[in-house]
Structure formats: structure tokens, C-alpha cells
Amino acid sequence: MKKIIFGLALAAMTFSACNGNTAKSADTTQSTADTPTAASPQSAADTTVKPSGTGFPSKQIIAAYLQLKNALTQDNGKDAATAAGALVTTLSKADMKSLPQAQMKAYMDIADDLKENAEHSSEKAGKIDHARERFIPFREDMADFIKAFGNGGQTLYRDFCPMADNGKGAIWISEQQAIKNPYLGKAMPTCGTVKETIR
């Protein structure tokens, strides 16, 4: 059901022009509670399974992703490569043994893709177009990561740009409610809408 709703939203956004923040949809709290396999970040304290150990760096993974996103919004390829490198390092040091089985499975499903795309971005310092291209696949992986591990104790926003990925559209996760587009950077910084508020 979630995929159908997301697909309809994606199709609708693709046909509409990018009007910056004036086209911003009403904030909605993430509504994945009806999906039995994923805990909603808004109720992370109640339903997300907590890691049994203290060594799993979920907050650091989210923070490194946000640093990468912020570097892309500023057209800063060097900082994007540095942030991607930090994400690779954090993912490499993550101790999956500290996780309950459900979270371990979720992590295994997304960690390799996150790491691969982060590695490609980190190796191309100064190549902002390449970093943006590699950032597109992060879209669902980070959303899935946050569903499994929570939002790191901060309010996050799931944003959407209809012009990203050659007009196919793409999402990103942000810690700021104001739109700052990592796909288009300074060329069109406010292109996009907030699709979900993740509390």
C-alpha cells in the first residue's frame, strides 16, 4: 500500500512544476505504523527495537548522511567526499553483533548499498556531479535505515524533488524543514516539497 501511495505521489510530482517552497505540501507525520515489518520513527521510543549493545552507531550514520547532504546543497564536492568517507568509516566499524535479529536483517539489507555509494562519492573529491549521481540511490536506503533504527532523537523531514534523477524525481532526508535541495544545489536550492515529518 505504501509503495502504491508513494508511486502516485511520485507521478503527481513529476507532472507539476517545481515551485520552490510555495508548493510545499502540508507536513504529515510519517505513517508507516500500518506496515507490520517496519517501526515508525515517530514512535521509535515505543516500537523500534533498541540495539542490545551500546556500540551501534545509528546516530553517527544519520549524522554522516546529513553532512553529505548538506555539502551537496552547497555545491561543495570536497566536503561531500569527506562526509562520504566518514560514512564509510562509520559503516565499517558498526558492530552488527550488538543488534537484535530484526535490526540486524534490516541493516544487512541496506548497509552494503549505503557503503558502496558512499565509497564512490568519497573517491571523487571535487566531482560534485558524480557525488550527486551517487547520492540518488541513498534515497530509499536511508529511509529504510530510519524506519529500522529511529531518527536519532531529532525531527527529520522526508523531502522530494520532482526534477532530480533526470525528471524521475528523488527523495532525501533532511534535519531542516526549509527545503535545501542536494540534487540541484545552488542552481535551484528551494526546489522540492516536504513529504513527511519524522518525529
C-alpha atoms as a PDB file:
ATOM      1  CA  MET A   1       0.000   0.000   0.000  1.00  0.00           C
ATOM      2  CA  LYS A   2       2.848   2.337   0.889  1.00  0.00           C
ATOM      3  CA  LYS A   3       4.520   1.734  -2.483  1.00  0.00           C
ATOM      4  CA  ILE A   4       1.280   2.495  -4.325  1.00  0.00           C
ATOM      5  CA  ILE A   5       0.771   5.739  -2.410  1.00  0.00           C
ATOM      6  CA  PHE A   6       4.408   6.731  -2.939  1.00  0.00           C
ATOM      7  CA  GLY A   7       4.147   5.869  -6.644  1.00  0.00           C
ATOM      8  CA  LEU A   8       1.055   8.034  -7.039  1.00  0.00           C
ATOM      9  CA  ALA A   9       2.747  10.900  -5.218  1.00  0.00           C
ATOM     10  CA  LEU A  10       5.832  10.494  -7.401  1.00  0.00           C
ATOM     11  CA  ALA A  11       3.759  10.548 -10.588  1.00  0.00           C
ATOM     12  CA  ALA A  12       1.828  13.616  -9.450  1.00  0.00           C
ATOM     13  CA  MET A  13       5.011  15.483  -8.567  1.00  0.00           C
ATOM     14  CA  THR A  14       6.671  14.618 -11.867  1.00  0.00           C
ATOM     15  CA  PHE A  15       3.920  16.420 -13.792  1.00  0.00           C
ATOM     16  CA  SER A  16       3.932  19.500 -11.598  1.00  0.00           C
ATOM     17  CA  ALA A  17       6.422  22.310 -11.918  1.00  0.00           C
ATOM     18  CA  CYS A  18       8.944  22.885  -9.209  1.00  0.00           C
ATOM     19  CA  ASN A  19       7.636  25.949  -7.424  1.00  0.00           C
ATOM     20  CA  GLY A  20      10.086  26.007  -4.539  1.00  0.00           C
ATOM     21  CA  ASN A  21       8.636  26.314  -1.077  1.00  0.00           C
ATOM     22  CA  THR A  22       5.364  27.753  -2.344  1.00  0.00           C
ATOM     23  CA  ALA A  23       4.352  24.272  -3.485  1.00  0.00           C
ATOM     24  CA  LYS A  24       5.252  22.715  -0.168  1.00  0.00           C
ATOM     25  CA  SER A  25       2.702  20.156   0.870  1.00  0.00           C
ATOM     26  CA  ALA A  26       1.317  20.080   4.359  1.00  0.00           C
ATOM     27  CA  ASP A  27       3.643  18.351   6.780  1.00  0.00           C
ATOM     28  CA  THR A  28       2.475  14.911   7.732  1.00  0.00           C
ATOM     29  CA  THR A  29       3.822  12.654  10.381  1.00  0.00           C
ATOM     30  CA  GLN A  30       5.319   9.520   8.907  1.00  0.00           C
ATOM     31  CA  SER A  31       2.615   6.908   8.619  1.00  0.00           C
ATOM     32  CA  THR A  32       4.351   3.567   8.410  1.00  0.00           C
ATOM     33  CA  ALA A  33       2.718   2.188  11.513  1.00  0.00           C
ATOM     34  CA  ASP A  34       0.400   0.099   9.344  1.00  0.00           C
ATOM     35  CA  THR A  35       3.407  -1.751   7.942  1.00  0.00           C
ATOM     36  CA  PRO A  36       3.996  -4.674  10.286  1.00  0.00           C
ATOM     37  CA  THR A  37       7.672  -5.139   9.405  1.00  0.00           C
ATOM     38  CA  ALA A  38       8.855  -1.574   9.966  1.00  0.00           C
ATOM     39  CA  ALA A  39       8.621   0.511  13.090  1.00  0.00           C
ATOM     40  CA  SER A  40       7.685   4.141  12.589  1.00  0.00           C
ATOM     41  CA  PRO A  41      10.369   6.649  13.655  1.00  0.00           C
ATOM     42  CA  GLN A  42       7.682   8.797  15.244  1.00  0.00           C
ATOM     43  CA  SER A  43       7.143   6.049  17.798  1.00  0.00           C
ATOM     44  CA  ALA A  44      10.737   4.882  17.942  1.00  0.00           C
ATOM     45  CA  ALA A  45      10.769   5.046  21.723  1.00  0.00           C
ATOM     46  CA  ASP A  46       7.806   2.686  21.897  1.00  0.00           C
ATOM     47  CA  THR A  47       8.089   0.269  18.980  1.00  0.00           C
ATOM     48  CA  THR A  48      11.565   0.350  17.425  1.00  0.00           C
ATOM     49  CA  VAL A  49      13.681  -2.485  18.766  1.00  0.00           C
ATOM     50  CA  LYS A  50      16.633  -0.973  20.561  1.00  0.00           C
ATOM     51  CA  PRO A  51      20.113  -2.324  19.944  1.00  0.00           C
ATOM     52  CA  SER A  52      21.105  -4.612  22.791  1.00  0.00           C
ATOM     53  CA  GLY A  53      24.585  -3.110  22.887  1.00  0.00           C
ATOM     54  CA  THR A  54      25.706   0.476  23.084  1.00  0.00           C
ATOM     55  CA  GLY A  55      28.225   0.223  20.247  1.00  0.00           C
ATOM     56  CA  PHE A  56      25.941   0.524  17.240  1.00  0.00           C
ATOM     57  CA  PRO A  57      26.427   3.994  15.710  1.00  0.00           C
ATOM     58  CA  SER A  58      22.954   4.743  14.301  1.00  0.00           C
ATOM     59  CA  LYS A  59      23.185   8.449  15.245  1.00  0.00           C
ATOM     60  CA  GLN A  60      26.612   8.732  13.634  1.00  0.00           C
ATOM     61  CA  ILE A  61      25.367   7.088  10.422  1.00  0.00           C
ATOM     62  CA  ILE A  62      22.492   9.566  10.203  1.00  0.00           C
ATOM     63  CA  ALA A  63      24.838  12.467  11.035  1.00  0.00           C
ATOM     64  CA  ALA A  64      27.326  11.476   8.295  1.00  0.00           C
ATOM     65  CA  TYR A  65      24.486  11.192   5.766  1.00  0.00           C
ATOM     66  CA  LEU A  66      23.219  14.654   6.754  1.00  0.00           C
ATOM     67  CA  GLN A  67      26.726  16.112   6.394  1.00  0.00           C
ATOM     68  CA  LEU A  68      26.937  14.641   2.897  1.00  0.00           C
ATOM     69  CA  LYS A  69      23.512  16.042   2.025  1.00  0.00           C
ATOM     70  CA  ASN A  70      24.446  19.496   3.348  1.00  0.00           C
ATOM     71  CA  ALA A  71      27.693  19.559   1.357  1.00  0.00           C
ATOM     72  CA  LEU A  72      25.731  18.792  -1.804  1.00  0.00           C
ATOM     73  CA  THR A  73      23.283  21.628  -1.108  1.00  0.00           C
ATOM     74  CA  GLN A  74      26.285  23.973  -1.053  1.00  0.00           C
ATOM     75  CA  ASP A  75      27.851  22.544  -4.241  1.00  0.00           C
ATOM     76  CA  ASN A  76      30.886  21.558  -2.167  1.00  0.00           C
ATOM     77  CA  GLY A  77      32.372  18.425  -3.716  1.00  0.00           C
ATOM     78  CA  LYS A  78      35.342  18.317  -1.353  1.00  0.00           C
ATOM     79  CA  ASP A  79      33.181  18.365   1.792  1.00  0.00           C
ATOM     80  CA  ALA A  80      30.814  15.850   0.178  1.00  0.00           C
ATOM     81  CA  ALA A  81      33.740  13.456  -0.352  1.00  0.00           C
ATOM     82  CA  THR A  82      34.889  13.964   3.245  1.00  0.00           C
ATOM     83  CA  ALA A  83      31.392  13.292   4.615  1.00  0.00           C
ATOM     84  CA  ALA A  84      31.022  10.220   2.393  1.00  0.00           C
ATOM     85  CA  GLY A  85      34.360   8.951   3.714  1.00  0.00           C
ATOM     86  CA  ALA A  86      33.139   9.445   7.285  1.00  0.00           C
ATOM     87  CA  LEU A  87      30.011   7.471   6.425  1.00  0.00           C
ATOM     88  CA  VAL A  88      32.124   4.606   5.003  1.00  0.00           C
ATOM     89  CA  THR A  89      34.262   4.556   8.154  1.00  0.00           C
ATOM     90  CA  THR A  90      31.220   4.562  10.443  1.00  0.00           C
ATOM     91  CA  LEU A  91      29.512   1.784   8.476  1.00  0.00           C
ATOM     92  CA  SER A  92      32.717  -0.283   8.511  1.00  0.00           C
ATOM     93  CA  LYS A  93      33.013  -0.035  12.287  1.00  0.00           C
ATOM     94  CA  ALA A  94      29.363  -0.818  13.027  1.00  0.00           C
ATOM     95  CA  ASP A  95      29.050  -3.892  15.237  1.00  0.00           C
ATOM     96  CA  MET A  96      26.100  -5.868  13.945  1.00  0.00           C
ATOM     97  CA  LYS A  97      26.510  -8.383  16.753  1.00  0.00           C
ATOM     98  CA  SER A  98      25.068  -5.817  19.146  1.00  0.00           C
ATOM     99  CA  LEU A  99      21.781  -5.773  17.223  1.00  0.00           C
ATOM    100  CA  PRO A 100      18.628  -7.819  17.740  1.00  0.00           C
ATOM    101  CA  GLN A 101      17.891 -10.138  14.819  1.00  0.00           C
ATOM    102  CA  ALA A 102      15.228  -7.913  13.201  1.00  0.00           C
ATOM    103  CA  GLN A 103      17.540  -4.892  13.141  1.00  0.00           C
ATOM    104  CA  MET A 104      20.494  -6.993  12.002  1.00  0.00           C
ATOM    105  CA  LYS A 105      18.494  -8.171   8.991  1.00  0.00           C
ATOM    106  CA  ALA A 106      17.371  -4.617   8.175  1.00  0.00           C
ATOM    107  CA  TYR A 107      20.945  -3.375   8.461  1.00  0.00           C
ATOM    108  CA  MET A 108      22.323  -6.166   6.278  1.00  0.00           C
ATOM    109  CA  ASP A 109      19.736  -5.358   3.610  1.00  0.00           C
ATOM    110  CA  ILE A 110      20.883  -1.742   3.276  1.00  0.00           C
ATOM    111  CA  ALA A 111      24.452  -1.433   4.616  1.00  0.00           C
ATOM    112  CA  ASP A 112      26.265  -2.709   1.515  1.00  0.00           C
ATOM    113  CA  ASP A 113      24.402  -0.318  -0.788  1.00  0.00           C
ATOM    114  CA  LEU A 114      24.993   2.630   1.546  1.00  0.00           C
ATOM    115  CA  LYS A 115      28.670   1.781   1.821  1.00  0.00           C
ATOM    116  CA  GLU A 116      29.149   1.259  -1.924  1.00  0.00           C
ATOM    117  CA  ASN A 117      27.594   4.590  -2.841  1.00  0.00           C
ATOM    118  CA  ALA A 118      29.456   6.393  -0.064  1.00  0.00           C
ATOM    119  CA  GLU A 119      32.753   4.857  -1.234  1.00  0.00           C
ATOM    120  CA  HIS A 120      32.186   6.073  -4.797  1.00  0.00           C
ATOM    121  CA  SER A 121      31.402   9.571  -3.510  1.00  0.00           C
ATOM    122  CA  SER A 122      34.435   9.654  -1.217  1.00  0.00           C
ATOM    123  CA  GLU A 123      36.830   8.680  -4.011  1.00  0.00           C
ATOM    124  CA  LYS A 124      35.829  11.578  -6.267  1.00  0.00           C
ATOM    125  CA  ALA A 125      36.688  14.648  -4.202  1.00  0.00           C
ATOM    126  CA  GLY A 126      35.651  17.781  -6.042  1.00  0.00           C
ATOM    127  CA  LYS A 127      33.411  15.906  -8.503  1.00  0.00           C
ATOM    128  CA  ILE A 128      30.059  17.306  -7.391  1.00  0.00           C
ATOM    129  CA  ASP A 129      28.100  15.813 -10.296  1.00  0.00           C
ATOM    130  CA  HIS A 130      29.408  12.350  -9.512  1.00  0.00           C
ATOM    131  CA  ALA A 131      28.622  12.784  -5.809  1.00  0.00           C
ATOM    132  CA  ARG A 132      25.068  13.835  -6.681  1.00  0.00           C
ATOM    133  CA  GLU A 133      24.652  10.877  -9.002  1.00  0.00           C
ATOM    134  CA  ARG A 134      25.753   8.509  -6.229  1.00  0.00           C
ATOM    135  CA  PHE A 135      23.510  10.300  -3.707  1.00  0.00           C
ATOM    136  CA  ILE A 136      20.343   9.328  -5.616  1.00  0.00           C
ATOM    137  CA  PRO A 137      20.490   5.635  -4.573  1.00  0.00           C
ATOM    138  CA  PHE A 138      20.712   6.699  -0.926  1.00  0.00           C
ATOM    139  CA  ARG A 139      17.064   7.802  -1.058  1.00  0.00           C
ATOM    140  CA  GLU A 140      15.347   4.570  -0.060  1.00  0.00           C
ATOM    141  CA  ASP A 141      18.248   3.115   1.924  1.00  0.00           C
ATOM    142  CA  MET A 142      18.313   5.990   4.421  1.00  0.00           C
ATOM    143  CA  ALA A 143      14.516   5.995   4.701  1.00  0.00           C
ATOM    144  CA  ASP A 144      14.653   2.248   5.452  1.00  0.00           C
ATOM    145  CA  PHE A 145      17.505   2.775   7.917  1.00  0.00           C
ATOM    146  CA  ILE A 146      15.488   5.360   9.838  1.00  0.00           C
ATOM    147  CA  LYS A 147      12.454   3.063   9.904  1.00  0.00           C
ATOM    148  CA  ALA A 148      14.558   0.329  11.474  1.00  0.00           C
ATOM    149  CA  PHE A 149      16.737   2.399  13.820  1.00  0.00           C
ATOM    150  CA  GLY A 150      14.753   5.550  14.527  1.00  0.00           C
ATOM    151  CA  ASN A 151      15.571   9.176  13.875  1.00  0.00           C
ATOM    152  CA  GLY A 152      18.455   9.573  16.302  1.00  0.00           C
ATOM    153  CA  GLY A 153      16.352  11.689  18.656  1.00  0.00           C
ATOM    154  CA  GLN A 154      15.821  14.539  16.195  1.00  0.00           C
ATOM    155  CA  THR A 155      12.986  15.621  13.952  1.00  0.00           C
ATOM    156  CA  LEU A 156      13.745  14.746  10.341  1.00  0.00           C
ATOM    157  CA  TYR A 157      11.985  15.584   7.087  1.00  0.00           C
ATOM    158  CA  ARG A 158      11.490  13.418   4.036  1.00  0.00           C
ATOM    159  CA  ASP A 159      11.721  15.798   1.078  1.00  0.00           C
ATOM    160  CA  PHE A 160      11.048  15.256  -2.611  1.00  0.00           C
ATOM    161  CA  CYS A 161      12.362  16.918  -5.763  1.00  0.00           C
ATOM    162  CA  PRO A 162      10.447  16.129  -8.974  1.00  0.00           C
ATOM    163  CA  MET A 163      13.335  17.299 -11.173  1.00  0.00           C
ATOM    164  CA  ALA A 164      16.041  15.075  -9.675  1.00  0.00           C
ATOM    165  CA  ASP A 165      17.266  11.933 -11.416  1.00  0.00           C
ATOM    166  CA  ASN A 166      16.574  13.312 -14.900  1.00  0.00           C
ATOM    167  CA  GLY A 167      12.968  14.172 -14.102  1.00  0.00           C
ATOM    168  CA  LYS A 168      12.168  10.852 -12.407  1.00  0.00           C
ATOM    169  CA  GLY A 169      12.186  12.560  -9.018  1.00  0.00           C
ATOM    170  CA  ALA A 170      14.051  11.621  -5.857  1.00  0.00           C
ATOM    171  CA  ILE A 171      13.680  11.956  -2.120  1.00  0.00           C
ATOM    172  CA  TRP A 172      16.180  12.899   0.549  1.00  0.00           C
ATOM    173  CA  ILE A 173      16.189  13.125   4.333  1.00  0.00           C
ATOM    174  CA  SER A 174      16.840  16.478   5.984  1.00  0.00           C
ATOM    175  CA  GLU A 175      17.156  17.804   9.511  1.00  0.00           C
ATOM    176  CA  GLN A 176      15.750  21.173   8.384  1.00  0.00           C
ATOM    177  CA  GLN A 177      12.163  21.927   7.488  1.00  0.00           C
ATOM    178  CA  ALA A 178      13.226  24.545   4.927  1.00  0.00           C
ATOM    179  CA  ILE A 179      13.949  22.982   1.549  1.00  0.00           C
ATOM    180  CA  LYS A 180      17.635  22.886   0.640  1.00  0.00           C
ATOM    181  CA  ASN A 181      17.975  20.706  -2.423  1.00  0.00           C
ATOM    182  CA  PRO A 182      21.070  18.459  -2.576  1.00  0.00           C
ATOM    183  CA  TYR A 183      20.371  17.352  -6.155  1.00  0.00           C
ATOM    184  CA  LEU A 184      20.241  20.824  -7.699  1.00  0.00           C
ATOM    185  CA  GLY A 185      22.293  22.736  -5.135  1.00  0.00           C
ATOM    186  CA  LYS A 186      22.648  26.476  -5.568  1.00  0.00           C
ATOM    187  CA  ALA A 187      21.116  26.360  -9.054  1.00  0.00           C
ATOM    188  CA  MET A 188      17.653  25.663  -7.581  1.00  0.00           C
ATOM    189  CA  PRO A 189      18.105  25.456  -3.803  1.00  0.00           C
ATOM    190  CA  THR A 190      14.420  25.550  -2.817  1.00  0.00           C
ATOM    191  CA  CYS A 191      13.079  23.143  -5.433  1.00  0.00           C
ATOM    192  CA  GLY A 192      11.095  20.465  -3.657  1.00  0.00           C
ATOM    193  CA  THR A 193       8.455  19.761  -1.045  1.00  0.00           C
ATOM    194  CA  VAL A 194       8.335  18.238   2.408  1.00  0.00           C
ATOM    195  CA  LYS A 195       6.521  14.908   2.128  1.00  0.00           C
ATOM    196  CA  GLU A 196       6.794  13.631   5.704  1.00  0.00           C
ATOM    197  CA  THR A 197       7.826  14.823   9.127  1.00  0.00           C
ATOM    198  CA  ILE A 198       9.612  12.069  11.031  1.00  0.00           C
ATOM    199  CA  ARG A 199       9.373  12.597  14.784  1.00  0.00           C
END
